[in-house]
Amino acid sequence: MTNGIGKCPEWLGDLARSEWDRMAEKLAAAGVAESVDVVEMETYCRAYETWRRAEAWISENGLVAIQRNDKGEVKSITAVPHVGIAKAAQAQMRQFLTGHGF
């Protein structure tokens, strides 16, 4: 056990594992670690990693994709999928945090 929560699953990525350790400490300090479901914690940590990776991609590549016609004129501007991915991951994280008093 780690701070009242089961061991971090090996299948989680590096960012998710770091977040597992960080959140396990916070949950233990708040006195709620024993009430956290392991699958719920896995979901939160995976969402955290997804959010961080999506935000890193956005930082490097931008928020929008610009489509141009043959003359180089802007045909359309659309949000990259990473924006929606980050937003969905944030919603999952917020749900977990709110449910545990954060």
PDB file of N, CA and C in Angstrom:
ATOM      1  N   MET A   1       0.849  -1.202   0.000  1.00  0.00           N
ATOM      2  CA  MET A   1       0.000   0.000   0.000  1.00  0.00           C
ATOM      3  C   MET A   1       0.880   1.246   0.000  1.00  0.00           C
ATOM      4  N   THR A   2       0.397   2.270  -0.680  1.00  0.00           N
ATOM      5  CA  THR A   2       1.088   3.544  -0.709  1.00  0.00           C
ATOM      6  C   THR A   2       0.159   4.594  -0.117  1.00  0.00           C
ATOM      7  N   ASN A   3       0.458   5.046   1.091  1.00  0.00           N
ATOM      8  CA  ASN A   3      -0.353   6.079   1.729  1.00  0.00           C
ATOM      9  C   ASN A   3      -1.843   5.732   1.753  1.00  0.00           C
ATOM     10  N   GLY A   4      -2.190   4.463   1.958  1.00  0.00           N
ATOM     11  CA  GLY A   4      -3.589   4.070   2.048  1.00  0.00           C
ATOM     12  C   GLY A   4      -4.230   3.710   0.727  1.00  0.00           C
ATOM     13  N   ILE A   5      -3.524   3.855  -0.359  1.00  0.00           N
ATOM     14  CA  ILE A   5      -4.043   3.512  -1.687  1.00  0.00           C
ATOM     15  C   ILE A   5      -3.176   2.379  -2.212  1.00  0.00           C
ATOM     16  N   GLY A   6      -3.765   1.498  -2.996  1.00  0.00           N
ATOM     17  CA  GLY A   6      -2.997   0.384  -3.549  1.00  0.00           C
ATOM     18  C   GLY A   6      -1.785   0.851  -4.335  1.00  0.00           C
ATOM     19  N   LYS A   7      -0.928  -0.097  -4.623  1.00  0.00           N
ATOM     20  CA  LYS A   7       0.296   0.181  -5.373  1.00  0.00           C
ATOM     21  C   LYS A   7      -0.037   0.722  -6.764  1.00  0.00           C
ATOM     22  N   CYS A   8       0.755   1.660  -7.221  1.00  0.00           N
ATOM     23  CA  CYS A   8       0.572   2.244  -8.545  1.00  0.00           C
ATOM     24  C   CYS A   8       0.762   1.165  -9.613  1.00  0.00           C
ATOM     25  N   PRO A   9      -0.201   1.021 -10.519  1.00  0.00           N
ATOM     26  CA  PRO A   9      -0.081   0.014 -11.574  1.00  0.00           C
ATOM     27  C   PRO A   9       1.093   0.302 -12.503  1.00  0.00           C
ATOM     28  N   GLU A  10       1.784  -0.753 -12.887  1.00  0.00           N
ATOM     29  CA  GLU A  10       2.947  -0.592 -13.763  1.00  0.00           C
ATOM     30  C   GLU A  10       2.575  -0.116 -15.160  1.00  0.00           C
ATOM     31  N   TRP A  11       1.345  -0.355 -15.588  1.00  0.00           N
ATOM     32  CA  TRP A  11       0.949   0.027 -16.942  1.00  0.00           C
ATOM     33  C   TRP A  11       0.770   1.533 -17.114  1.00  0.00           C
ATOM     34  N   LEU A  12       0.657   2.269 -16.025  1.00  0.00           N
ATOM     35  CA  LEU A  12       0.537   3.729 -16.145  1.00  0.00           C
ATOM     36  C   LEU A  12       1.859   4.313 -16.644  1.00  0.00           C
ATOM     37  N   GLY A  13       1.768   5.374 -17.421  1.00  0.00           N
ATOM     38  CA  GLY A  13       2.960   6.049 -17.923  1.00  0.00           C
ATOM     39  C   GLY A  13       3.675   6.829 -16.832  1.00  0.00           C
ATOM     40  N   ASP A  14       4.827   7.372 -17.175  1.00  0.00           N
ATOM     41  CA  ASP A  14       5.662   8.077 -16.199  1.00  0.00           C
ATOM     42  C   ASP A  14       4.955   9.269 -15.554  1.00  0.00           C
ATOM     43  N   LEU A  15       4.263  10.085 -16.355  1.00  0.00           N
ATOM     44  CA  LEU A  15       3.561  11.240 -15.793  1.00  0.00           C
ATOM     45  C   LEU A  15       2.454  10.796 -14.848  1.00  0.00           C
ATOM     46  N   ALA A  16       1.729   9.762 -15.237  1.00  0.00           N
ATOM     47  CA  ALA A  16       0.637   9.252 -14.401  1.00  0.00           C
ATOM     48  C   ALA A  16       1.181   8.665 -13.100  1.00  0.00           C
ATOM     49  N   ARG A  17       2.305   7.991 -13.170  1.00  0.00           N
ATOM     50  CA  ARG A  17       2.906   7.415 -11.958  1.00  0.00           C
ATOM     51  C   ARG A  17       3.346   8.504 -10.991  1.00  0.00           C
ATOM     52  N   SER A  18       3.942   9.547 -11.533  1.00  0.00           N
ATOM     53  CA  SER A  18       4.350  10.664 -10.670  1.00  0.00           C
ATOM     54  C   SER A  18       3.136  11.299 -10.012  1.00  0.00           C
ATOM     55  N   GLU A  19       2.065  11.439 -10.780  1.00  0.00           N
ATOM     56  CA  GLU A  19       0.842  12.029 -10.234  1.00  0.00           C
ATOM     57  C   GLU A  19       0.220  11.103  -9.192  1.00  0.00           C
ATOM     58  N   TRP A  20       0.320   9.803  -9.408  1.00  0.00           N
ATOM     59  CA  TRP A  20      -0.186   8.831  -8.420  1.00  0.00           C
ATOM     60  C   TRP A  20       0.494   9.078  -7.073  1.00  0.00           C
ATOM     61  N   ASP A  21       1.814   9.173  -7.096  1.00  0.00           N
ATOM     62  CA  ASP A  21       2.563   9.386  -5.856  1.00  0.00           C
ATOM     63  C   ASP A  21       2.189  10.713  -5.201  1.00  0.00           C
ATOM     64  N   ARG A  22       2.079  11.753  -6.005  1.00  0.00           N
ATOM     65  CA  ARG A  22       1.739  13.082  -5.484  1.00  0.00           C
ATOM     66  C   ARG A  22       0.340  13.080  -4.867  1.00  0.00           C
ATOM     67  N   MET A  23      -0.633  12.510  -5.592  1.00  0.00           N
ATOM     68  CA  MET A  23      -2.005  12.509  -5.096  1.00  0.00           C
ATOM     69  C   MET A  23      -2.182  11.570  -3.909  1.00  0.00           C
ATOM     70  N   ALA A  24      -1.468  10.455  -3.903  1.00  0.00           N
ATOM     71  CA  ALA A  24      -1.562   9.532  -2.768  1.00  0.00           C
ATOM     72  C   ALA A  24      -1.171  10.255  -1.478  1.00  0.00           C
ATOM     73  N   GLU A  25      -0.136  11.060  -1.543  1.00  0.00           N
ATOM     74  CA  GLU A  25       0.287  11.833  -0.369  1.00  0.00           C
ATOM     75  C   GLU A  25      -0.777  12.846   0.038  1.00  0.00           C
ATOM     76  N   LYS A  26      -1.339  13.553  -0.941  1.00  0.00           N
ATOM     77  CA  LYS A  26      -2.365  14.553  -0.649  1.00  0.00           C
ATOM     78  C   LYS A  26      -3.622  13.913  -0.062  1.00  0.00           C
ATOM     79  N   LEU A  27      -4.031  12.793  -0.644  1.00  0.00           N
ATOM     80  CA  LEU A  27      -5.226  12.104  -0.155  1.00  0.00           C
ATOM     81  C   LEU A  27      -5.010  11.569   1.256  1.00  0.00           C
ATOM     82  N   ALA A  28      -3.814  11.058   1.516  1.00  0.00           N
ATOM     83  CA  ALA A  28      -3.494  10.571   2.855  1.00  0.00           C
ATOM     84  C   ALA A  28      -3.505  11.721   3.854  1.00  0.00           C
ATOM     85  N   ALA A  29      -2.912  12.840   3.473  1.00  0.00           N
ATOM     86  CA  ALA A  29      -2.871  14.010   4.361  1.00  0.00           C
ATOM     87  C   ALA A  29      -4.281  14.538   4.657  1.00  0.00           C
ATOM     88  N   ALA A  30      -5.171  14.403   3.665  1.00  0.00           N
ATOM     89  CA  ALA A  30      -6.546  14.863   3.848  1.00  0.00           C
ATOM     90  C   ALA A  30      -7.397  13.836   4.594  1.00  0.00           C
ATOM     91  N   GLY A  31      -6.827  12.656   4.837  1.00  0.00           N
ATOM     92  CA  GLY A  31      -7.544  11.616   5.570  1.00  0.00           C
ATOM     93  C   GLY A  31      -8.598  10.875   4.763  1.00  0.00           C
ATOM     94  N   VAL A  32      -8.483  10.920   3.440  1.00  0.00           N
ATOM     95  CA  VAL A  32      -9.484  10.259   2.597  1.00  0.00           C
ATOM     96  C   VAL A  32      -8.905   9.146   1.731  1.00  0.00           C
ATOM     97  N   ALA A  33      -7.633   8.856   1.878  1.00  0.00           N
ATOM     98  CA  ALA A  33      -6.982   7.866   1.011  1.00  0.00           C
ATOM     99  C   ALA A  33      -7.666   6.504   1.080  1.00  0.00           C
ATOM    100  N   GLU A  34      -8.100   6.104   2.246  1.00  0.00           N
ATOM    101  CA  GLU A  34      -8.718   4.784   2.415  1.00  0.00           C
ATOM    102  C   GLU A  34     -10.033   4.659   1.645  1.00  0.00           C
ATOM    103  N   SER A  35     -10.674   5.780   1.359  1.00  0.00           N
ATOM    104  CA  SER A  35     -11.969   5.738   0.677  1.00  0.00           C
ATOM    105  C   SER A  35     -11.850   5.835  -0.848  1.00  0.00           C
ATOM    106  N   VAL A  36     -10.648   5.981  -1.359  1.00  0.00           N
ATOM    107  CA  VAL A  36     -10.458   6.138  -2.803  1.00  0.00           C
ATOM    108  C   VAL A  36     -10.391   4.773  -3.475  1.00  0.00           C
ATOM    109  N   ASP A  37     -11.231   4.586  -4.475  1.00  0.00           N
ATOM    110  CA  ASP A  37     -11.237   3.358  -5.257  1.00  0.00           C
ATOM    111  C   ASP A  37     -10.015   3.348  -6.172  1.00  0.00           C
ATOM    112  N   VAL A  38      -9.353   2.211  -6.285  1.00  0.00           N
ATOM    113  CA  VAL A  38      -8.132   2.115  -7.082  1.00  0.00           C
ATOM    114  C   VAL A  38      -8.399   2.430  -8.557  1.00  0.00           C
ATOM    115  N   VAL A  39      -9.492   1.929  -9.095  1.00  0.00           N
ATOM    116  CA  VAL A  39      -9.816   2.207 -10.503  1.00  0.00           C
ATOM    117  C   VAL A  39     -10.064   3.699 -10.704  1.00  0.00           C
ATOM    118  N   GLU A  40     -10.696   4.316  -9.746  1.00  0.00           N
ATOM    119  CA  GLU A  40     -10.933   5.757  -9.796  1.00  0.00           C
ATOM    120  C   GLU A  40      -9.603   6.526  -9.812  1.00  0.00           C
ATOM    121  N   MET A  41      -8.664   6.082  -8.998  1.00  0.00           N
ATOM    122  CA  MET A  41      -7.343   6.707  -8.949  1.00  0.00           C
ATOM    123  C   MET A  41      -6.596   6.483 -10.260  1.00  0.00           C
ATOM    124  N   GLU A  42      -6.683   5.274 -10.811  1.00  0.00           N
ATOM    125  CA  GLU A  42      -6.055   4.986 -12.099  1.00  0.00           C
ATOM    126  C   GLU A  42      -6.615   5.900 -13.179  1.00  0.00           C
ATOM    127  N   THR A  43      -7.933   6.049 -13.194  1.00  0.00           N
ATOM    128  CA  THR A  43      -8.596   6.891 -14.187  1.00  0.00           C
ATOM    129  C   THR A  43      -8.140   8.336 -14.057  1.00  0.00           C
ATOM    130  N   TYR A  44      -8.086   8.827 -12.833  1.00  0.00           N
ATOM    131  CA  TYR A  44      -7.622  10.198 -12.604  1.00  0.00           C
ATOM    132  C   TYR A  44      -6.187  10.375 -13.115  1.00  0.00           C
ATOM    133  N   CYS A  45      -5.303   9.467 -12.732  1.00  0.00           N
ATOM    134  CA  CYS A  45      -3.890   9.604 -13.104  1.00  0.00           C
ATOM    135  C   CYS A  45      -3.694   9.484 -14.608  1.00  0.00           C
ATOM    136  N   ARG A  46      -4.446   8.610 -15.256  1.00  0.00           N
ATOM    137  CA  ARG A  46      -4.357   8.478 -16.714  1.00  0.00           C
ATOM    138  C   ARG A  46      -4.876   9.756 -17.370  1.00  0.00           C
ATOM    139  N   ALA A  47      -5.954  10.321 -16.844  1.00  0.00           N
ATOM    140  CA  ALA A  47      -6.481  11.586 -17.368  1.00  0.00           C
ATOM    141  C   ALA A  47      -5.455  12.697 -17.192  1.00  0.00           C
ATOM    142  N   TYR A  48      -4.771  12.691 -16.061  1.00  0.00           N
ATOM    143  CA  TYR A  48      -3.732  13.687 -15.817  1.00  0.00           C
ATOM    144  C   TYR A  48      -2.645  13.594 -16.888  1.00  0.00           C
ATOM    145  N   GLU A  49      -2.182  12.374 -17.155  1.00  0.00           N
ATOM    146  CA  GLU A  49      -1.138  12.196 -18.173  1.00  0.00           C
ATOM    147  C   GLU A  49      -1.637  12.614 -19.554  1.00  0.00           C
ATOM    148  N   THR A  50      -2.853  12.246 -19.878  1.00  0.00           N
ATOM    149  CA  THR A  50      -3.434  12.632 -21.167  1.00  0.00           C
ATOM    150  C   THR A  50      -3.495  14.150 -21.290  1.00  0.00           C
ATOM    151  N   TRP A  51      -3.942  14.813 -20.233  1.00  0.00           N
ATOM    152  CA  TRP A  51      -4.031  16.273 -20.219  1.00  0.00           C
ATOM    153  C   TRP A  51      -2.653  16.914 -20.414  1.00  0.00           C
ATOM    154  N   ARG A  52      -1.668  16.434 -19.675  1.00  0.00           N
ATOM    155  CA  ARG A  52      -0.315  16.991 -19.785  1.00  0.00           C
ATOM    156  C   ARG A  52       0.258  16.797 -21.186  1.00  0.00           C
ATOM    157  N   ARG A  53       0.060  15.616 -21.759  1.00  0.00           N
ATOM    158  CA  ARG A  53       0.584  15.345 -23.098  1.00  0.00           C
ATOM    159  C   ARG A  53      -0.126  16.196 -24.152  1.00  0.00           C
ATOM    160  N   ALA A  54      -1.439  16.334 -24.034  1.00  0.00           N
ATOM    161  CA  ALA A  54      -2.191  17.166 -24.975  1.00  0.00           C
ATOM    162  C   ALA A  54      -1.750  18.623 -24.872  1.00  0.00           C
ATOM    163  N   GLU A  55      -1.576  19.106 -23.653  1.00  0.00           N
ATOM    164  CA  GLU A  55      -1.151  20.498 -23.465  1.00  0.00           C
ATOM    165  C   GLU A  55       0.269  20.722 -23.989  1.00  0.00           C
ATOM    166  N   ALA A  56       1.136  19.750 -23.828  1.00  0.00           N
ATOM    167  CA  ALA A  56       2.495  19.869 -24.360  1.00  0.00           C
ATOM    168  C   ALA A  56       2.453  19.948 -25.884  1.00  0.00           C
ATOM    169  N   TRP A  57       1.607  19.131 -26.503  1.00  0.00           N
ATOM    170  CA  TRP A  57       1.473  19.161 -27.965  1.00  0.00           C
ATOM    171  C   TRP A  57       0.949  20.518 -28.417  1.00  0.00           C
ATOM    172  N   ILE A  58      -0.064  21.027 -27.719  1.00  0.00           N
ATOM    173  CA  ILE A  58      -0.636  22.340 -28.059  1.00  0.00           C
ATOM    174  C   ILE A  58       0.418  23.423 -27.914  1.00  0.00           C
ATOM    175  N   SER A  59       1.207  23.375 -26.857  1.00  0.00           N
ATOM    176  CA  SER A  59       2.257  24.379 -26.656  1.00  0.00           C
ATOM    177  C   SER A  59       3.263  24.384 -27.799  1.00  0.00           C
ATOM    178  N   GLU A  60       3.557  23.215 -28.320  1.00  0.00           N
ATOM    179  CA  GLU A  60       4.530  23.098 -29.400  1.00  0.00           C
ATOM    180  C   GLU A  60       3.940  23.415 -30.774  1.00  0.00           C
ATOM    181  N   ASN A  61       2.668  23.068 -30.982  1.00  0.00           N
ATOM    182  CA  ASN A  61       2.085  23.145 -32.317  1.00  0.00           C
ATOM    183  C   ASN A  61       0.954  24.151 -32.495  1.00  0.00           C
ATOM    184  N   GLY A  62       0.420  24.662 -31.413  1.00  0.00           N
ATOM    185  CA  GLY A  62      -0.658  25.635 -31.509  1.00  0.00           C
ATOM    186  C   GLY A  62      -2.041  25.036 -31.324  1.00  0.00           C
ATOM    187  N   LEU A  63      -3.019  25.922 -31.190  1.00  0.00           N
ATOM    188  CA  LEU A  63      -4.397  25.536 -30.921  1.00  0.00           C
ATOM    189  C   LEU A  63      -5.218  25.231 -32.160  1.00  0.00           C
ATOM    190  N   VAL A  64      -4.792  25.764 -33.299  1.00  0.00           N
ATOM    191  CA  VAL A  64      -5.612  25.645 -34.503  1.00  0.00           C
ATOM    192  C   VAL A  64      -4.837  25.060 -35.677  1.00  0.00           C
ATOM    193  N   ALA A  65      -5.620  24.488 -36.586  1.00  0.00           N
ATOM    194  CA  ALA A  65      -5.074  24.013 -37.864  1.00  0.00           C
ATOM    195  C   ALA A  65      -5.655  24.920 -38.948  1.00  0.00           C
ATOM    196  N   ILE A  66      -4.792  25.429 -39.776  1.00  0.00           N
ATOM    197  CA  ILE A  66      -5.224  26.330 -40.847  1.00  0.00           C
ATOM    198  C   ILE A  66      -5.138  25.585 -42.174  1.00  0.00           C
ATOM    199  N   GLN A  67      -6.256  25.516 -42.858  1.00  0.00           N
ATOM    200  CA  GLN A  67      -6.319  24.898 -44.186  1.00  0.00           C
ATOM    201  C   GLN A  67      -6.275  26.015 -45.223  1.00  0.00           C
ATOM    202  N   ARG A  68      -5.428  25.842 -46.225  1.00  0.00           N
ATOM    203  CA  ARG A  68      -5.299  26.851 -47.280  1.00  0.00           C
ATOM    204  C   ARG A  68      -5.655  26.241 -48.630  1.00  0.00           C
ATOM    205  N   ASN A  69      -6.103  27.099 -49.530  1.00  0.00           N
ATOM    206  CA  ASN A  69      -6.395  26.639 -50.883  1.00  0.00           C
ATOM    207  C   ASN A  69      -5.123  26.690 -51.727  1.00  0.00           C
ATOM    208  N   ASP A  70      -5.242  26.400 -53.011  1.00  0.00           N
ATOM    209  CA  ASP A  70      -4.087  26.372 -53.917  1.00  0.00           C
ATOM    210  C   ASP A  70      -3.357  27.712 -54.000  1.00  0.00           C
ATOM    211  N   LYS A  71      -4.070  28.797 -53.749  1.00  0.00           N
ATOM    212  CA  LYS A  71      -3.479  30.133 -53.831  1.00  0.00           C
ATOM    213  C   LYS A  71      -2.860  30.570 -52.503  1.00  0.00           C
ATOM    214  N   GLY A  72      -2.949  29.714 -51.499  1.00  0.00           N
ATOM    215  CA  GLY A  72      -2.394  30.047 -50.187  1.00  0.00           C
ATOM    216  C   GLY A  72      -3.337  30.830 -49.303  1.00  0.00           C
ATOM    217  N   GLU A  73      -4.561  31.011 -49.784  1.00  0.00           N
ATOM    218  CA  GLU A  73      -5.551  31.743 -49.000  1.00  0.00           C
ATOM    219  C   GLU A  73      -6.150  30.822 -47.938  1.00  0.00           C
ATOM    220  N   VAL A  74      -6.480  31.425 -46.810  1.00  0.00           N
ATOM    221  CA  VAL A  74      -7.058  30.646 -45.720  1.00  0.00           C
ATOM    222  C   VAL A  74      -8.436  30.143 -46.138  1.00  0.00           C
ATOM    223  N   LYS A  75      -8.582  28.844 -46.089  1.00  0.00           N
ATOM    224  CA  LYS A  75      -9.843  28.184 -46.435  1.00  0.00           C
ATOM    225  C   LYS A  75     -10.673  27.936 -45.180  1.00  0.00           C
ATOM    226  N   SER A  76     -10.008  27.490 -44.119  1.00  0.00           N
ATOM    227  CA  SER A  76     -10.701  27.256 -42.849  1.00  0.00           C
ATOM    228  C   SER A  76      -9.691  27.220 -41.709  1.00  0.00           C
ATOM    229  N   ILE A  77     -10.211  27.502 -40.544  1.00  0.00           N
ATOM    230  CA  ILE A  77      -9.413  27.420 -39.315  1.00  0.00           C
ATOM    231  C   ILE A  77     -10.227  26.576 -38.337  1.00  0.00           C
ATOM    232  N   THR A  78      -9.617  25.521 -37.840  1.00  0.00           N
ATOM    233  CA  THR A  78     -10.306  24.651 -36.891  1.00  0.00           C
ATOM    234  C   THR A  78      -9.398  24.359 -35.689  1.00  0.00           C
ATOM    235  N   ALA A  79     -10.035  24.099 -34.575  1.00  0.00           N
ATOM    236  CA  ALA A  79      -9.280  23.706 -33.379  1.00  0.00           C
ATOM    237  C   ALA A  79      -8.682  22.320 -33.618  1.00  0.00           C
ATOM    238  N   VAL A  80      -7.468  22.123 -33.171  1.00  0.00           N
ATOM    239  CA  VAL A  80      -6.840  20.803 -33.279  1.00  0.00           C
ATOM    240  C   VAL A  80      -7.527  19.857 -32.293  1.00  0.00           C
ATOM    241  N   PRO A  81      -7.548  18.564 -32.578  1.00  0.00           N
ATOM    242  CA  PRO A  81      -8.203  17.606 -31.675  1.00  0.00           C
ATOM    243  C   PRO A  81      -7.649  17.622 -30.252  1.00  0.00           C
ATOM    244  N   HIS A  82      -6.406  18.026 -30.109  1.00  0.00           N
ATOM    245  CA  HIS A  82      -5.777  18.039 -28.792  1.00  0.00           C
ATOM    246  C   HIS A  82      -6.489  18.975 -27.820  1.00  0.00           C
ATOM    247  N   VAL A  83      -7.166  19.998 -28.341  1.00  0.00           N
ATOM    248  CA  VAL A  83      -7.912  20.915 -27.483  1.00  0.00           C
ATOM    249  C   VAL A  83      -9.045  20.157 -26.803  1.00  0.00           C
ATOM    250  N   GLY A  84      -9.801  19.387 -27.559  1.00  0.00           N
ATOM    251  CA  GLY A  84     -10.894  18.592 -26.997  1.00  0.00           C
ATOM    252  C   GLY A  84     -10.396  17.497 -26.071  1.00  0.00           C
ATOM    253  N   ILE A  85      -9.278  16.898 -26.436  1.00  0.00           N
ATOM    254  CA  ILE A  85      -8.686  15.854 -25.601  1.00  0.00           C
ATOM    255  C   ILE A  85      -8.299  16.431 -24.239  1.00  0.00           C
ATOM    256  N   ALA A  86      -7.650  17.590 -24.252  1.00  0.00           N
ATOM    257  CA  ALA A  86      -7.245  18.236 -22.997  1.00  0.00           C
ATOM    258  C   ALA A  86      -8.459  18.611 -22.165  1.00  0.00           C
ATOM    259  N   LYS A  87      -9.484  19.131 -22.820  1.00  0.00           N
ATOM    260  CA  LYS A  87     -10.695  19.546 -22.113  1.00  0.00           C
ATOM    261  C   LYS A  87     -11.398  18.351 -21.461  1.00  0.00           C
ATOM    262  N   ALA A  88     -11.503  17.231 -22.177  1.00  0.00           N
ATOM    263  CA  ALA A  88     -12.140  16.032 -21.637  1.00  0.00           C
ATOM    264  C   ALA A  88     -11.337  15.474 -20.451  1.00  0.00           C
ATOM    265  N   ALA A  89     -10.021  15.479 -20.565  1.00  0.00           N
ATOM    266  CA  ALA A  89      -9.173  14.989 -19.481  1.00  0.00           C
ATOM    267  C   ALA A  89      -9.314  15.875 -18.255  1.00  0.00           C
ATOM    268  N   GLN A  90      -9.383  17.188 -18.471  1.00  0.00           N
ATOM    269  CA  GLN A  90      -9.570  18.112 -17.348  1.00  0.00           C
ATOM    270  C   GLN A  90     -10.890  17.837 -16.640  1.00  0.00           C
ATOM    271  N   ALA A  91     -11.934  17.547 -17.403  1.00  0.00           N
ATOM    272  CA  ALA A  91     -13.242  17.266 -16.808  1.00  0.00           C
ATOM    273  C   ALA A  91     -13.171  16.011 -15.936  1.00  0.00           C
ATOM    274  N   GLN A  92     -12.482  14.981 -16.414  1.00  0.00           N
ATOM    275  CA  GLN A  92     -12.310  13.761 -15.611  1.00  0.00           C
ATOM    276  C   GLN A  92     -11.539  14.056 -14.330  1.00  0.00           C
ATOM    277  N   MET A  93     -10.496  14.837 -14.456  1.00  0.00           N
ATOM    278  CA  MET A  93      -9.685  15.180 -13.283  1.00  0.00           C
ATOM    279  C   MET A  93     -10.510  15.989 -12.285  1.00  0.00           C
ATOM    280  N   ARG A  94     -11.253  16.957 -12.791  1.00  0.00           N
ATOM    281  CA  ARG A  94     -12.065  17.816 -11.924  1.00  0.00           C
ATOM    282  C   ARG A  94     -13.104  16.982 -11.166  1.00  0.00           C
ATOM    283  N   GLN A  95     -13.712  16.012 -11.849  1.00  0.00           N
ATOM    284  CA  GLN A  95     -14.707  15.153 -11.217  1.00  0.00           C
ATOM    285  C   GLN A  95     -14.088  14.378 -10.048  1.00  0.00           C
ATOM    286  N   PHE A  96     -12.926  13.816 -10.267  1.00  0.00           N
ATOM    287  CA  PHE A  96     -12.237  13.073  -9.203  1.00  0.00           C
ATOM    288  C   PHE A  96     -11.903  14.007  -8.041  1.00  0.00           C
ATOM    289  N   LEU A  97     -11.307  15.151  -8.348  1.00  0.00           N
ATOM    290  CA  LEU A  97     -10.862  16.074  -7.298  1.00  0.00           C
ATOM    291  C   LEU A  97     -12.043  16.610  -6.496  1.00  0.00           C
ATOM    292  N   THR A  98     -13.114  16.974  -7.175  1.00  0.00           N
ATOM    293  CA  THR A  98     -14.295  17.485  -6.491  1.00  0.00           C
ATOM    294  C   THR A  98     -14.917  16.409  -5.604  1.00  0.00           C
ATOM    295  N   GLY A  99     -14.922  15.181  -6.089  1.00  0.00           N
ATOM    296  CA  GLY A  99     -15.487  14.080  -5.322  1.00  0.00           C
ATOM    297  C   GLY A  99     -14.706  13.737  -4.075  1.00  0.00           C
ATOM    298  N   HIS A 100     -13.461  14.230  -3.996  1.00  0.00           N
ATOM    299  CA  HIS A 100     -12.622  13.933  -2.830  1.00  0.00           C
ATOM    300  C   HIS A 100     -12.236  15.190  -2.053  1.00  0.00           C
ATOM    301  N   GLY A 101     -13.006  16.239  -2.248  1.00  0.00           N
ATOM    302  CA  GLY A 101     -12.846  17.439  -1.432  1.00  0.00           C
ATOM    303  C   GLY A 101     -11.703  18.360  -1.818  1.00  0.00           C
ATOM    304  N   PHE A 102     -11.255  18.281  -3.060  1.00  0.00           N
ATOM    305  CA  PHE A 102     -10.175  19.165  -3.508  1.00  0.00           C
ATOM    306  C   PHE A 102     -10.717  20.236  -4.427  1.00  0.00           C
TER     307      PHE A 102
END
